[in-house]
C-alpha atoms as a PDB file:
ATOM      1  CA  UNK A   1      99.624 133.298 150.009  1.00  0.00           C
ATOM      2  CA  UNK A   2      98.240 131.430 152.540  1.00  0.00           C
ATOM      3  CA  UNK A   3     101.935 130.451 154.190  1.00  0.00           C
ATOM      4  CA  UNK A   4     101.921 128.013 157.393  1.00  0.00           C
ATOM      5  CA  UNK A   5     105.032 129.420 159.191  1.00  0.00           C
ATOM      6  CA  UNK A   6     105.217 125.813 161.030  1.00  0.00           C
ATOM      7  CA  UNK A   7     105.454 123.921 158.683  1.00  0.00           C
ATOM      8  CA  UNK A   8     107.715 126.616 156.712  1.00  0.00           C
ATOM      9  CA  UNK A   9     110.176 126.388 159.193  1.00  0.00           C
ATOM     10  CA  UNK A  10     109.807 122.155 159.774  1.00  0.00           C
ATOM     11  CA  UNK A  11     110.672 122.258 155.819  1.00  0.00           C
ATOM     12  CA  UNK A  12     113.516 123.938 155.893  1.00  0.00           C
ATOM     13  CA  UNK A  13     115.326 122.170 158.638  1.00  0.00           C
ATOM     14  CA  UNK A  14     114.575 118.712 157.281  1.00  0.00           C
ATOM     15  CA  UNK A  15     116.262 119.737 154.093  1.00  0.00           C
ATOM     16  CA  UNK A  16     119.112 121.109 156.099  1.00  0.00           C
ATOM     17  CA  UNK A  17     119.270 117.462 157.592  1.00  0.00           C
ATOM     18  CA  UNK A  18     119.071 116.687 153.986  1.00  0.00           C
ATOM     19  CA  UNK A  19     121.839 118.714 152.819  1.00  0.00           C
ATOM     20  CA  UNK A  20     124.012 118.117 155.492  1.00  0.00           C
ATOM     21  CA  UNK A  21     123.970 113.850 155.011  1.00  0.00           C
ATOM     22  CA  UNK A  22     124.435 114.640 150.812  1.00  0.00           C
ATOM     23  CA  UNK A  23     127.015 116.799 151.716  1.00  0.00           C
ATOM     24  CA  UNK A  24     129.282 114.384 154.179  1.00  0.00           C
ATOM     25  CA  UNK A  25     128.155 111.708 151.190  1.00  0.00           C
ATOM     26  CA  UNK A  26     129.651 113.606 148.172  1.00  0.00           C
ATOM     27  CA  UNK A  27     132.648 114.145 150.307  1.00  0.00           C
ATOM     28  CA  UNK A  28     132.978 110.452 151.125  1.00  0.00           C
ATOM     29  CA  UNK A  29     132.694 110.200 147.087  1.00  0.00           C
ATOM     30  CA  UNK A  30     134.738 112.458 146.384  1.00  0.00           C
ATOM     31  CA  UNK A  31     137.929 111.441 148.455  1.00  0.00           C
ATOM     32  CA  UNK A  32     137.145 107.447 146.991  1.00  0.00           C
ATOM     33  CA  UNK A  33     136.998 108.888 143.400  1.00  0.00           C
ATOM     34  CA  UNK A  34     140.360 110.651 144.138  1.00  0.00           C
ATOM     35  CA  UNK A  35     141.963 108.086 145.721  1.00  0.00           C
ATOM     36  CA  UNK A  36     140.996 105.602 143.413  1.00  0.00           C
ATOM     37  CA  UNK A  37     142.280 108.187 140.407  1.00  0.00           C
ATOM     38  CA  UNK A  38     145.866 108.792 142.319  1.00  0.00           C
ATOM     39  CA  UNK A  39     146.583 105.481 142.628  1.00  0.00           C
ATOM     40  CA  UNK A  40     145.556 103.960 139.621  1.00  0.00           C
ATOM     41  CA  UNK A  41     147.224 107.125 137.383  1.00  0.00           C
ATOM     42  CA  UNK A  42     150.186 106.230 140.450  1.00  0.00           C
ATOM     43  CA  UNK A  43     150.801 102.914 139.121  1.00  0.00           C
ATOM     44  CA  UNK A  44     150.418 103.608 135.616  1.00  0.00           C
ATOM     45  CA  UNK A  45     153.435 106.533 135.816  1.00  0.00           C
ATOM     46  CA  UNK A  46     155.667 103.295 137.751  1.00  0.00           C
ATOM     47  CA  UNK A  47     154.882 101.212 135.039  1.00  0.00           C
ATOM     48  CA  UNK A  48     156.938 103.722 132.805  1.00  0.00           C
ATOM     49  CA  UNK A  49     154.313 105.463 131.747  1.00  0.00           C
ATOM     50  CA  UNK A  50     153.806 109.539 131.435  1.00  0.00           C
ATOM     51  CA  UNK A  51     152.144 111.932 133.546  1.00  0.00           C
ATOM     52  CA  UNK A  52     149.716 112.705 130.377  1.00  0.00           C
ATOM     53  CA  UNK A  53     149.817 109.235 129.351  1.00  0.00           C
ATOM     54  CA  UNK A  54     148.773 108.160 132.595  1.00  0.00           C
ATOM     55  CA  UNK A  55     145.917 110.567 132.735  1.00  0.00           C
ATOM     56  CA  UNK A  56     144.380 109.837 129.245  1.00  0.00           C
ATOM     57  CA  UNK A  57     144.632 106.665 129.937  1.00  0.00           C
ATOM     58  CA  UNK A  58     143.269 106.780 133.521  1.00  0.00           C
ATOM     59  CA  UNK A  59     140.242 108.369 132.055  1.00  0.00           C
ATOM     60  CA  UNK A  60     139.172 106.254 129.361  1.00  0.00           C
ATOM     61  CA  UNK A  61     139.570 103.471 131.587  1.00  0.00           C
ATOM     62  CA  UNK A  62     137.076 100.956 132.811  1.00  0.00           C
ATOM     63  CA  UNK A  63     135.230 102.296 136.020  1.00  0.00           C
ATOM     64  CA  UNK A  64     136.070 105.927 135.598  1.00  0.00           C
ATOM     65  CA  UNK A  65     133.052 107.604 133.796  1.00  0.00           C
ATOM     66  CA  UNK A  66     130.509 105.337 136.326  1.00  0.00           C
ATOM     67  CA  UNK A  67     132.818 106.638 139.203  1.00  0.00           C
ATOM     68  CA  UNK A  68     132.738 110.491 138.078  1.00  0.00           C
ATOM     69  CA  UNK A  69     128.898 110.299 137.386  1.00  0.00           C
ATOM     70  CA  UNK A  70     127.885 108.920 140.639  1.00  0.00           C
ATOM     71  CA  UNK A  71     129.995 111.881 142.036  1.00  0.00           C
ATOM     72  CA  UNK A  72     128.438 114.371 140.204  1.00  0.00           C
ATOM     73  CA  UNK A  73     124.807 113.161 139.903  1.00  0.00           C
ATOM     74  CA  UNK A  74     125.191 113.290 144.301  1.00  0.00           C
ATOM     75  CA  UNK A  75     126.646 116.948 143.838  1.00  0.00           C
ATOM     76  CA  UNK A  76     123.610 117.991 141.165  1.00  0.00           C
ATOM     77  CA  UNK A  77     121.233 116.369 144.191  1.00  0.00           C
ATOM     78  CA  UNK A  78     123.011 118.330 146.797  1.00  0.00           C
ATOM     79  CA  UNK A  79     122.314 121.866 144.976  1.00  0.00           C
ATOM     80  CA  UNK A  80     118.884 120.656 144.519  1.00  0.00           C
ATOM     81  CA  UNK A  81     118.899 120.610 147.759  1.00  0.00           C
ATOM     82  CA  UNK A  82     120.293 123.964 148.446  1.00  0.00           C
ATOM     83  CA  UNK A  83     117.921 125.445 145.600  1.00  0.00           C
ATOM     84  CA  UNK A  84     115.232 123.847 147.507  1.00  0.00           C
ATOM     85  CA  UNK A  85     116.510 125.198 151.192  1.00  0.00           C
ATOM     86  CA  UNK A  86     116.408 128.992 149.218  1.00  0.00           C
ATOM     87  CA  UNK A  87     112.831 128.826 148.084  1.00  0.00           C
ATOM     88  CA  UNK A  88     111.909 128.298 151.744  1.00  0.00           C
ATOM     89  CA  UNK A  89     114.069 131.035 152.365  1.00  0.00           C
ATOM     90  CA  UNK A  90     112.050 132.765 150.349  1.00  0.00           C
ATOM     91  CA  UNK A  91     108.792 131.286 151.428  1.00  0.00           C
ATOM     92  CA  UNK A  92     110.070 132.374 155.105  1.00  0.00           C
ATOM     93  CA  UNK A  93     110.619 135.519 153.682  1.00  0.00           C
ATOM     94  CA  UNK A  94     107.068 136.059 152.396  1.00  0.00           C
ATOM     95  CA  UNK A  95     105.367 134.966 155.600  1.00  0.00           C
ATOM     96  CA  UNK A  96     107.173 137.444 157.490  1.00  0.00           C
ATOM     97  CA  UNK A  97     106.356 139.795 155.289  1.00  0.00           C
ATOM     98  CA  UNK A  98     103.013 139.171 155.208  1.00  0.00           C
ATOM     99  CA  UNK A  99     102.480 139.400 159.033  1.00  0.00           C
ATOM    100  CA  UNK A 100     104.224 142.555 159.390  1.00  0.00           C
ATOM    101  CA  UNK A 101     102.290 144.154 156.849  1.00  0.00           C
ATOM    102  CA  UNK A 102      99.040 142.732 158.546  1.00  0.00           C
ATOM    103  CA  UNK A 103     100.249 143.647 161.996  1.00  0.00           C
ATOM    104  CA  UNK A 104     100.464 147.346 160.987  1.00  0.00           C
ATOM    105  CA  UNK A 105      96.881 147.067 159.129  1.00  0.00           C
ATOM    106  CA  UNK A 106      95.851 145.827 162.354  1.00  0.00           C
ATOM    107  CA  UNK A 107      97.471 149.055 164.551  1.00  0.00           C
END
């Protein structure tokens, strides 16, 4: 396997930057989703619904599925970037092993 260590490290660095950006995006989306969900549910409870009824109505309300899907989509993207970082790490370790083997062979 012919691996370029500089390209591997550069790619890992780019992926770490993407992971950070996506992680912050997921955190913001989750905070927004939870705040919307809590305020909507609280308003339903204040209007006389039980907590169970409010939860059921909230999850069937317009917008809930779309908001939840958006959040989950960002979480999936985050996991994909994490998997690519791990793959880059495996490439790096492979390069290190090959480099070490070649260095030992030259001794």
